[in-house]
Each structure stands twice: as C-alpha cells, then as structure tokens.
C-alpha cells in the first residue's frame, strides 16, 4: 500500500510540475502577445503620421483645385 502511495505521489508531483511549466509558458506567450500588439499599434501610429505628413507635403507642392 505504501508503495502504491509513493507511486501516486510521484505521478502527482510530475503532473504538478507539468502544469506549472504549462502555466509559465502561457504567461510568457500572453506577455509576448501583449508586447506584439503594442508594437503593432506603434507601427500603425507611425505609419499614419507618415502618411499624413506626406499628404501635407503633397498639398503644398501641388494645387489640386486647378
């Protein structure tokens, strides 16, 4: 009986370690995903600002009303 309890405790300990590892990996992926979205938002903002600046320059160079 004690041997069976020891085997079960070993399995349970390995299961707990696996769950902890999986939890850490999920945390890491979640963090990377959040960082990725923040970077994508920054790139989108910079791109929008660049397009706006280019439009303003173009408006100053070309008279579209003619």
C-alpha atoms as a PDB file:
ATOM      1  CA  UNK A   1       0.000   0.000   0.000  1.00  0.00           C
ATOM      2  CA  UNK A   2       2.814   2.429   0.873  1.00  0.00           C
ATOM      3  CA  UNK A   3       4.497   1.596  -2.424  1.00  0.00           C
ATOM      4  CA  UNK A   4       1.304   2.473  -4.312  1.00  0.00           C
ATOM      5  CA  UNK A   5       1.012   5.744  -2.400  1.00  0.00           C
ATOM      6  CA  UNK A   6       4.636   6.530  -3.270  1.00  0.00           C
ATOM      7  CA  UNK A   7       3.981   5.860  -6.975  1.00  0.00           C
ATOM      8  CA  UNK A   8       0.858   8.022  -6.923  1.00  0.00           C
ATOM      9  CA  UNK A   9       2.725  10.835  -5.150  1.00  0.00           C
ATOM     10  CA  UNK A  10       5.448  10.670  -7.809  1.00  0.00           C
ATOM     11  CA  UNK A  11       2.883  10.910 -10.612  1.00  0.00           C
ATOM     12  CA  UNK A  12       1.110  13.740  -8.854  1.00  0.00           C
ATOM     13  CA  UNK A  13       4.361  15.653  -8.378  1.00  0.00           C
ATOM     14  CA  UNK A  14       5.217  15.268 -12.078  1.00  0.00           C
ATOM     15  CA  UNK A  15       1.713  16.397 -13.004  1.00  0.00           C
ATOM     16  CA  UNK A  16       2.039  19.480 -10.799  1.00  0.00           C
ATOM     17  CA  UNK A  17       5.415  20.294 -12.383  1.00  0.00           C
ATOM     18  CA  UNK A  18       3.923  19.913 -15.862  1.00  0.00           C
ATOM     19  CA  UNK A  19       1.018  22.188 -15.011  1.00  0.00           C
ATOM     20  CA  UNK A  20       3.385  24.792 -13.550  1.00  0.00           C
ATOM     21  CA  UNK A  21       5.548  24.645 -16.692  1.00  0.00           C
ATOM     22  CA  UNK A  22       2.494  24.972 -18.909  1.00  0.00           C
ATOM     23  CA  UNK A  23       1.234  27.895 -16.835  1.00  0.00           C
ATOM     24  CA  UNK A  24       4.590  29.657 -17.200  1.00  0.00           C
ATOM     25  CA  UNK A  25       4.568  29.093 -20.963  1.00  0.00           C
ATOM     26  CA  UNK A  26       1.037  30.506 -21.210  1.00  0.00           C
ATOM     27  CA  UNK A  27       2.152  33.536 -19.178  1.00  0.00           C
ATOM     28  CA  UNK A  28       5.143  34.028 -21.483  1.00  0.00           C
ATOM     29  CA  UNK A  29       3.017  33.790 -24.629  1.00  0.00           C
ATOM     30  CA  UNK A  30       0.435  36.170 -23.184  1.00  0.00           C
ATOM     31  CA  UNK A  31       3.173  38.693 -22.393  1.00  0.00           C
ATOM     32  CA  UNK A  32       4.703  38.355 -25.860  1.00  0.00           C
ATOM     33  CA  UNK A  33       1.276  38.740 -27.469  1.00  0.00           C
ATOM     34  CA  UNK A  34       0.589  41.924 -25.495  1.00  0.00           C
ATOM     35  CA  UNK A  35       4.003  43.292 -26.446  1.00  0.00           C
ATOM     36  CA  UNK A  36       3.363  42.381 -30.077  1.00  0.00           C
ATOM     37  CA  UNK A  37       0.032  44.204 -30.109  1.00  0.00           C
ATOM     38  CA  UNK A  38       1.656  47.266 -28.520  1.00  0.00           C
ATOM     39  CA  UNK A  39       4.399  47.257 -31.153  1.00  0.00           C
ATOM     40  CA  UNK A  40       1.860  46.812 -33.953  1.00  0.00           C
ATOM     41  CA  UNK A  41      -0.129  49.756 -32.611  1.00  0.00           C
ATOM     42  CA  UNK A  42       3.031  51.883 -32.511  1.00  0.00           C
ATOM     43  CA  UNK A  43       3.883  50.933 -36.108  1.00  0.00           C
ATOM     44  CA  UNK A  44       0.329  51.773 -37.187  1.00  0.00           C
ATOM     45  CA  UNK A  45       0.560  55.175 -35.457  1.00  0.00           C
ATOM     46  CA  UNK A  46       3.922  55.963 -37.034  1.00  0.00           C
ATOM     47  CA  UNK A  47       2.611  54.885 -40.441  1.00  0.00           C
ATOM     48  CA  UNK A  48      -0.470  57.070 -40.101  1.00  0.00           C
ATOM     49  CA  UNK A  49       1.651  60.051 -39.092  1.00  0.00           C
ATOM     50  CA  UNK A  50       3.989  59.466 -42.054  1.00  0.00           C
ATOM     51  CA  UNK A  51       1.068  59.309 -44.488  1.00  0.00           C
ATOM     52  CA  UNK A  52      -0.431  62.488 -43.008  1.00  0.00           C
ATOM     53  CA  UNK A  53       2.918  64.292 -43.293  1.00  0.00           C
ATOM     54  CA  UNK A  54       3.332  63.118 -46.895  1.00  0.00           C
ATOM     55  CA  UNK A  55      -0.192  64.312 -47.740  1.00  0.00           C
ATOM     56  CA  UNK A  56       0.571  67.732 -46.266  1.00  0.00           C
ATOM     57  CA  UNK A  57       3.789  67.986 -48.246  1.00  0.00           C
ATOM     58  CA  UNK A  58       1.985  66.969 -51.421  1.00  0.00           C
ATOM     59  CA  UNK A  59      -0.756  69.522 -50.834  1.00  0.00           C
ATOM     60  CA  UNK A  60       1.892  72.215 -50.522  1.00  0.00           C
ATOM     61  CA  UNK A  61       3.564  71.151 -53.770  1.00  0.00           C
ATOM     62  CA  UNK A  62       0.514  70.559 -55.980  1.00  0.00           C
ATOM     63  CA  UNK A  63      -2.617  72.653 -56.357  1.00  0.00           C
ATOM     64  CA  UNK A  64      -5.436  70.133 -56.751  1.00  0.00           C
ATOM     65  CA  UNK A  65      -8.023  72.819 -57.497  1.00  0.00           C
ATOM     66  CA  UNK A  66      -6.608  73.507 -60.973  1.00  0.00           C
END
